[in-house]
PDB file of all heavy atoms in Angstrom:
ATOM      1  N   ARG A   1       4.327  -2.884  -8.096  1.00  0.00           N
ATOM      2  CA  ARG A   1       4.132  -3.238  -9.531  1.00  0.00           C
ATOM      3  C   ARG A   1       2.840  -2.660 -10.037  1.00  0.00           C
ATOM      4  O   ARG A   1       2.754  -2.267 -11.226  1.00  0.00           O
ATOM      5  CB  ARG A   1       4.105  -4.789  -9.651  1.00  0.00           C
ATOM      6  CG  ARG A   1       3.851  -5.304 -11.047  1.00  0.00           C
ATOM      7  CD  ARG A   1       3.353  -6.719 -10.999  1.00  0.00           C
ATOM      8  NE  ARG A   1       2.038  -6.852 -10.329  1.00  0.00           N
ATOM      9  CZ  ARG A   1       1.463  -7.998 -10.016  1.00  0.00           C
ATOM     10  NH1 ARG A   1       2.074  -9.155 -10.262  1.00  0.00           N
ATOM     11  NH2 ARG A   1       0.278  -7.992  -9.430  1.00  0.00           N
ATOM     12  N   ASP A   2       1.828  -2.626  -9.188  1.00  0.00           N
ATOM     13  CA  ASP A   2       0.523  -2.137  -9.608  1.00  0.00           C
ATOM     14  C   ASP A   2       0.249  -0.699  -9.249  1.00  0.00           C
ATOM     15  O   ASP A   2      -0.908  -0.240  -9.208  1.00  0.00           O
ATOM     16  CB  ASP A   2      -0.570  -3.035  -8.981  1.00  0.00           C
ATOM     17  CG  ASP A   2      -0.476  -4.451  -9.485  1.00  0.00           C
ATOM     18  OD1 ASP A   2       0.032  -4.671 -10.564  1.00  0.00           O
ATOM     19  OD2 ASP A   2      -0.937  -5.380  -8.723  1.00  0.00           O
ATOM     20  N   LEU A   3       1.338   0.060  -9.010  1.00  0.00           N
ATOM     21  CA  LEU A   3       1.184   1.438  -8.599  1.00  0.00           C
ATOM     22  C   LEU A   3       0.366   2.285  -9.589  1.00  0.00           C
ATOM     23  O   LEU A   3      -0.485   3.096  -9.155  1.00  0.00           O
ATOM     24  CB  LEU A   3       2.574   2.064  -8.361  1.00  0.00           C
ATOM     25  CG  LEU A   3       2.659   3.277  -7.438  1.00  0.00           C
ATOM     26  CD1 LEU A   3       2.169   2.944  -6.048  1.00  0.00           C
ATOM     27  CD2 LEU A   3       4.052   3.824  -7.419  1.00  0.00           C
ATOM     28  N   PRO A   4       0.596   2.150 -10.897  1.00  0.00           N
ATOM     29  CA  PRO A   4      -0.207   2.959 -11.830  1.00  0.00           C
ATOM     30  C   PRO A   4      -1.731   2.731 -11.711  1.00  0.00           C
ATOM     31  O   PRO A   4      -2.508   3.691 -11.723  1.00  0.00           O
ATOM     32  CB  PRO A   4       0.313   2.533 -13.203  1.00  0.00           C
ATOM     33  CG  PRO A   4       1.708   2.054 -12.936  1.00  0.00           C
ATOM     34  CD  PRO A   4       1.638   1.375 -11.631  1.00  0.00           C
ATOM     35  N   ILE A   5      -2.126   1.455 -11.564  1.00  0.00           N
ATOM     36  CA  ILE A   5      -3.563   1.142 -11.429  1.00  0.00           C
ATOM     37  C   ILE A   5      -4.088   1.758 -10.121  1.00  0.00           C
ATOM     38  O   ILE A   5      -5.150   2.397 -10.074  1.00  0.00           O
ATOM     39  CB  ILE A   5      -3.774  -0.389 -11.422  1.00  0.00           C
ATOM     40  CG1 ILE A   5      -3.331  -1.006 -12.734  1.00  0.00           C
ATOM     41  CG2 ILE A   5      -5.232  -0.705 -11.116  1.00  0.00           C
ATOM     42  CD1 ILE A   5      -3.397  -2.515 -12.758  1.00  0.00           C
ATOM     43  N   LEU A   6      -3.333   1.540  -9.024  1.00  0.00           N
ATOM     44  CA  LEU A   6      -3.773   2.031  -7.732  1.00  0.00           C
ATOM     45  C   LEU A   6      -3.838   3.546  -7.696  1.00  0.00           C
ATOM     46  O   LEU A   6      -4.773   4.108  -7.079  1.00  0.00           O
ATOM     47  CB  LEU A   6      -2.849   1.467  -6.651  1.00  0.00           C
ATOM     48  CG  LEU A   6      -2.807  -0.032  -6.481  1.00  0.00           C
ATOM     49  CD1 LEU A   6      -1.707  -0.463  -5.502  1.00  0.00           C
ATOM     50  CD2 LEU A   6      -4.153  -0.592  -6.008  1.00  0.00           C
ATOM     51  N   ALA A   7      -2.875   4.187  -8.325  1.00  0.00           N
ATOM     52  CA  ALA A   7      -2.892   5.679  -8.339  1.00  0.00           C
ATOM     53  C   ALA A   7      -4.106   6.188  -9.071  1.00  0.00           C
ATOM     54  O   ALA A   7      -4.721   7.183  -8.658  1.00  0.00           O
ATOM     55  CB  ALA A   7      -1.597   6.190  -8.975  1.00  0.00           C
ATOM     56  N   GLU A   8      -4.435   5.591 -10.184  1.00  0.00           N
ATOM     57  CA  GLU A   8      -5.644   6.012 -10.925  1.00  0.00           C
ATOM     58  C   GLU A   8      -6.904   5.812 -10.113  1.00  0.00           C
ATOM     59  O   GLU A   8      -7.784   6.655 -10.080  1.00  0.00           O
ATOM     60  CB  GLU A   8      -5.723   5.230 -12.283  1.00  0.00           C
ATOM     61  CG  GLU A   8      -4.713   5.666 -13.303  1.00  0.00           C
ATOM     62  CD  GLU A   8      -4.894   4.891 -14.611  1.00  0.00           C
ATOM     63  OE1 GLU A   8      -5.915   4.240 -14.767  1.00  0.00           O
ATOM     64  OE2 GLU A   8      -3.976   4.949 -15.440  1.00  0.00           O
ATOM     65  N   MET A   9      -7.002   4.678  -9.443  1.00  0.00           N
ATOM     66  CA  MET A   9      -8.151   4.399  -8.617  1.00  0.00           C
ATOM     67  C   MET A   9      -8.238   5.338  -7.428  1.00  0.00           C
ATOM     68  O   MET A   9      -9.318   5.786  -7.020  1.00  0.00           O
ATOM     69  CB  MET A   9      -8.156   2.934  -8.157  1.00  0.00           C
ATOM     70  CG  MET A   9      -8.284   1.913  -9.288  1.00  0.00           C
ATOM     71  SD  MET A   9      -8.389   0.229  -8.666  1.00  0.00           S
ATOM     72  CE  MET A   9     -10.096   0.148  -8.069  1.00  0.00           C
ATOM     73  N   ALA A  10      -7.094   5.687  -6.884  1.00  0.00           N
ATOM     74  CA  ALA A  10      -7.027   6.591  -5.718  1.00  0.00           C
ATOM     75  C   ALA A  10      -7.557   7.989  -6.119  1.00  0.00           C
ATOM     76  O   ALA A  10      -8.179   8.655  -5.265  1.00  0.00           O
ATOM     77  CB  ALA A  10      -5.631   6.692  -5.175  1.00  0.00           C
ATOM     78  N   ARG A  11      -7.258   8.426  -7.329  1.00  0.00           N
ATOM     79  CA  ARG A  11      -7.752   9.723  -7.759  1.00  0.00           C
ATOM     80  C   ARG A  11      -9.268   9.799  -7.746  1.00  0.00           C
ATOM     81  O   ARG A  11      -9.828  10.873  -7.623  1.00  0.00           O
ATOM     82  CB  ARG A  11      -7.206  10.083  -9.124  1.00  0.00           C
ATOM     83  CG  ARG A  11      -5.726  10.502  -9.121  1.00  0.00           C
ATOM     84  CD  ARG A  11      -5.306  11.165 -10.401  1.00  0.00           C
ATOM     85  NE  ARG A  11      -5.179  10.225 -11.486  1.00  0.00           N
ATOM     86  CZ  ARG A  11      -4.068   9.544 -11.797  1.00  0.00           C
ATOM     87  NH1 ARG A  11      -3.001   9.695 -11.024  1.00  0.00           N
ATOM     88  NH2 ARG A  11      -4.031   8.704 -12.803  1.00  0.00           N
ATOM     89  N   ASP A  12      -9.880   8.632  -7.914  1.00  0.00           N
ATOM     90  CA  ASP A  12     -11.379   8.586  -7.855  1.00  0.00           C
ATOM     91  C   ASP A  12     -11.904   8.072  -6.540  1.00  0.00           C
ATOM     92  O   ASP A  12     -13.071   7.738  -6.422  1.00  0.00           O
ATOM     93  CB  ASP A  12     -11.871   7.635  -8.990  1.00  0.00           C
ATOM     94  CG  ASP A  12     -11.574   8.215 -10.397  1.00  0.00           C
ATOM     95  OD1 ASP A  12     -11.654   9.430 -10.535  1.00  0.00           O
ATOM     96  OD2 ASP A  12     -11.234   7.402 -11.283  1.00  0.00           O
ATOM     97  N   ASN A  13     -11.039   8.056  -5.531  1.00  0.00           N
ATOM     98  CA  ASN A  13     -11.391   7.568  -4.173  1.00  0.00           C
ATOM     99  C   ASN A  13     -11.964   6.165  -4.215  1.00  0.00           C
ATOM    100  O   ASN A  13     -12.990   5.882  -3.611  1.00  0.00           O
ATOM    101  CB  ASN A  13     -12.406   8.538  -3.505  1.00  0.00           C
ATOM    102  CG  ASN A  13     -12.595   8.264  -2.036  1.00  0.00           C
ATOM    103  OD1 ASN A  13     -11.678   7.737  -1.342  1.00  0.00           O
ATOM    104  ND2 ASN A  13     -13.744   8.607  -1.513  1.00  0.00           N
ATOM    105  N   LEU A  14     -11.228   5.273  -4.887  1.00  0.00           N
ATOM    106  CA  LEU A  14     -11.673   3.916  -5.034  1.00  0.00           C
ATOM    107  C   LEU A  14     -10.742   2.886  -4.364  1.00  0.00           C
ATOM    108  O   LEU A  14     -10.984   1.700  -4.430  1.00  0.00           O
ATOM    109  CB  LEU A  14     -11.805   3.565  -6.526  1.00  0.00           C
ATOM    110  CG  LEU A  14     -12.924   4.271  -7.285  1.00  0.00           C
ATOM    111  CD1 LEU A  14     -12.885   3.901  -8.750  1.00  0.00           C
ATOM    112  CD2 LEU A  14     -14.315   3.915  -6.695  1.00  0.00           C
ATOM    113  N   VAL A  15      -9.708   3.379  -3.699  1.00  0.00           N
ATOM    114  CA  VAL A  15      -8.781   2.412  -3.099  1.00  0.00           C
ATOM    115  C   VAL A  15      -8.043   3.041  -1.910  1.00  0.00           C
ATOM    116  O   VAL A  15      -7.776   4.249  -1.902  1.00  0.00           O
ATOM    117  CB  VAL A  15      -7.755   1.914  -4.130  1.00  0.00           C
ATOM    118  CG1 VAL A  15      -6.810   3.016  -4.581  1.00  0.00           C
ATOM    119  CG2 VAL A  15      -6.928   0.744  -3.591  1.00  0.00           C
ATOM    120  N   HIS A  16      -7.769   2.253  -0.911  1.00  0.00           N
ATOM    121  CA  HIS A  16      -6.719   2.568   0.050  1.00  0.00           C
ATOM    122  C   HIS A  16      -5.994   1.277   0.422  1.00  0.00           C
ATOM    123  O   HIS A  16      -6.549   0.197   0.298  1.00  0.00           O
ATOM    124  CB  HIS A  16      -7.224   3.369   1.264  1.00  0.00           C
ATOM    125  CG  HIS A  16      -8.243   2.706   2.114  1.00  0.00           C
ATOM    126  ND1 HIS A  16      -7.965   1.666   2.953  1.00  0.00           N
ATOM    127  CD2 HIS A  16      -9.585   2.919   2.237  1.00  0.00           C
ATOM    128  CE1 HIS A  16      -9.086   1.267   3.573  1.00  0.00           C
ATOM    129  NE2 HIS A  16     -10.070   2.026   3.137  1.00  0.00           N
ATOM    130  N   VAL A  17      -4.757   1.424   0.901  1.00  0.00           N
ATOM    131  CA  VAL A  17      -3.861   0.289   1.130  1.00  0.00           C
ATOM    132  C   VAL A  17      -3.299   0.322   2.544  1.00  0.00           C
ATOM    133  O   VAL A  17      -2.926   1.380   3.064  1.00  0.00           O
ATOM    134  CB  VAL A  17      -2.679   0.363   0.098  1.00  0.00           C
ATOM    135  CG1 VAL A  17      -1.661  -0.742   0.406  1.00  0.00           C
ATOM    136  CG2 VAL A  17      -3.186   0.236  -1.292  1.00  0.00           C
ATOM    137  N   GLY A  18      -3.282  -0.854   3.160  1.00  0.00           N
ATOM    138  CA  GLY A  18      -2.651  -1.024   4.460  1.00  0.00           C
ATOM    139  C   GLY A  18      -1.391  -1.836   4.315  1.00  0.00           C
ATOM    140  O   GLY A  18      -1.398  -2.875   3.696  1.00  0.00           O
ATOM    141  N   ILE A  19      -0.284  -1.363   4.872  1.00  0.00           N
ATOM    142  CA  ILE A  19       0.969  -2.107   4.886  1.00  0.00           C
ATOM    143  C   ILE A  19       1.187  -2.613   6.313  1.00  0.00           C
ATOM    144  O   ILE A  19       1.212  -1.829   7.268  1.00  0.00           O
ATOM    145  CB  ILE A  19       2.131  -1.237   4.461  1.00  0.00           C
ATOM    146  CG1 ILE A  19       1.929  -0.716   3.015  1.00  0.00           C
ATOM    147  CG2 ILE A  19       3.453  -2.029   4.529  1.00  0.00           C
ATOM    148  CD1 ILE A  19       1.830  -1.832   1.967  1.00  0.00           C
ATOM    149  N   SER A  20       1.319  -3.919   6.459  1.00  0.00           N
ATOM    150  CA  SER A  20       1.514  -4.515   7.749  1.00  0.00           C
ATOM    151  C   SER A  20       2.979  -4.377   8.146  1.00  0.00           C
ATOM    152  O   SER A  20       3.879  -4.866   7.459  1.00  0.00           O
ATOM    153  CB  SER A  20       1.130  -6.013   7.705  1.00  0.00           C
ATOM    154  OG  SER A  20       1.405  -6.639   8.913  1.00  0.00           O
ATOM    155  N   VAL A  21       3.234  -3.739   9.281  1.00  0.00           N
ATOM    156  CA  VAL A  21       4.595  -3.627   9.839  1.00  0.00           C
ATOM    157  C   VAL A  21       4.554  -4.196  11.228  1.00  0.00           C
ATOM    158  O   VAL A  21       4.085  -3.573  12.204  1.00  0.00           O
ATOM    159  CB  VAL A  21       5.050  -2.155   9.888  1.00  0.00           C
ATOM    160  CG1 VAL A  21       6.494  -2.069  10.431  1.00  0.00           C
ATOM    161  CG2 VAL A  21       4.992  -1.507   8.499  1.00  0.00           C
ATOM    162  N   THR A  22       5.029  -5.429  11.377  1.00  0.00           N
ATOM    163  CA  THR A  22       4.940  -6.140  12.633  1.00  0.00           C
ATOM    164  C   THR A  22       6.092  -5.783  13.568  1.00  0.00           C
ATOM    165  O   THR A  22       5.927  -5.759  14.777  1.00  0.00           O
ATOM    166  CB  THR A  22       4.943  -7.646  12.371  1.00  0.00           C
ATOM    167  OG1 THR A  22       4.020  -7.960  11.333  1.00  0.00           O
ATOM    168  CG2 THR A  22       4.580  -8.447  13.628  1.00  0.00           C
ATOM    169  N   THR A  23       7.246  -5.472  12.999  1.00  0.00           N
ATOM    170  CA  THR A  23       8.428  -5.199  13.782  1.00  0.00           C
ATOM    171  C   THR A  23       9.414  -4.392  12.937  1.00  0.00           C
ATOM    172  O   THR A  23       9.369  -4.449  11.723  1.00  0.00           O
ATOM    173  CB  THR A  23       9.106  -6.500  14.273  1.00  0.00           C
ATOM    174  OG1 THR A  23      10.299  -6.163  14.998  1.00  0.00           O
ATOM    175  CG2 THR A  23       9.507  -7.395  13.095  1.00  0.00           C
ATOM    176  N   LEU A  24      10.269  -3.645  13.608  1.00  0.00           N
ATOM    177  CA  LEU A  24      11.341  -2.933  12.948  1.00  0.00           C
ATOM    178  C   LEU A  24      12.663  -3.665  13.112  1.00  0.00           C
ATOM    179  O   LEU A  24      13.712  -3.196  12.631  1.00  0.00           O
ATOM    180  CB  LEU A  24      11.473  -1.485  13.480  1.00  0.00           C
ATOM    181  CG  LEU A  24      10.189  -0.659  13.291  1.00  0.00           C
ATOM    182  CD1 LEU A  24      10.348   0.686  14.055  1.00  0.00           C
ATOM    183  CD2 LEU A  24       9.931  -0.394  11.824  1.00  0.00           C
ATOM    184  N   ASP A  25      12.650  -4.769  13.809  1.00  0.00           N
ATOM    185  CA  ASP A  25      13.822  -5.584  14.083  1.00  0.00           C
ATOM    186  C   ASP A  25      13.941  -6.635  13.001  1.00  0.00           C
ATOM    187  O   ASP A  25      13.114  -7.558  12.916  1.00  0.00           O
ATOM    188  CB  ASP A  25      13.649  -6.250  15.454  1.00  0.00           C
ATOM    189  CG  ASP A  25      14.836  -7.099  15.868  1.00  0.00           C
ATOM    190  OD1 ASP A  25      15.617  -7.510  14.980  1.00  0.00           O
ATOM    191  OD2 ASP A  25      14.980  -7.408  17.073  1.00  0.00           O
ATOM    192  N   HIS A  26      14.966  -6.526  12.164  1.00  0.00           N
ATOM    193  CA  HIS A  26      15.070  -7.436  11.021  1.00  0.00           C
ATOM    194  C   HIS A  26      15.256  -8.870  11.474  1.00  0.00           C
ATOM    195  O   HIS A  26      14.717  -9.788  10.831  1.00  0.00           O
ATOM    196  CB  HIS A  26      16.251  -7.019  10.116  1.00  0.00           C
ATOM    197  CG  HIS A  26      16.313  -7.817   8.854  1.00  0.00           C
ATOM    198  ND1 HIS A  26      15.505  -7.600   7.776  1.00  0.00           N
ATOM    199  CD2 HIS A  26      17.072  -8.902   8.505  1.00  0.00           C
ATOM    200  CE1 HIS A  26      15.770  -8.465   6.807  1.00  0.00           C
ATOM    201  NE2 HIS A  26      16.734  -9.284   7.255  1.00  0.00           N
ATOM    202  N   GLU A  27      15.991  -9.124  12.557  1.00  0.00           N
ATOM    203  CA  GLU A  27      16.180 -10.493  13.010  1.00  0.00           C
ATOM    204  C   GLU A  27      14.895 -11.107  13.477  1.00  0.00           C
ATOM    205  O   GLU A  27      14.603 -12.281  13.194  1.00  0.00           O
ATOM    206  CB  GLU A  27      17.245 -10.519  14.135  1.00  0.00           C
ATOM    207  CG  GLU A  27      17.529 -11.917  14.638  1.00  0.00           C
ATOM    208  CD  GLU A  27      18.039 -12.897  13.606  1.00  0.00           C
ATOM    209  OE1 GLU A  27      18.620 -12.421  12.608  1.00  0.00           O
ATOM    210  OE2 GLU A  27      17.842 -14.115  13.827  1.00  0.00           O
ATOM    211  N   LEU A  28      14.075 -10.359  14.202  1.00  0.00           N
ATOM    212  CA  LEU A  28      12.764 -10.878  14.659  1.00  0.00           C
ATOM    213  C   LEU A  28      11.891 -11.118  13.422  1.00  0.00           C
ATOM    214  O   LEU A  28      11.182 -12.133  13.357  1.00  0.00           O
ATOM    215  CB  LEU A  28      12.126  -9.875  15.584  1.00  0.00           C
ATOM    216  CG  LEU A  28      10.684 -10.205  16.045  1.00  0.00           C
ATOM    217  CD1 LEU A  28      10.614 -11.594  16.741  1.00  0.00           C
ATOM    218  CD2 LEU A  28      10.143  -9.150  16.977  1.00  0.00           C
TER     219      LEU A  28
END
C-alpha cells in the first residue's frame, strides 16, 4: 500500500525493507 512512499525514499537511499519468510510450507 505504501509502495509509492517507499520507492521515493529508496531513490534517496532512505529505506530498506526486510520480509520475514519463516517457511515455504503453507500448512506449517
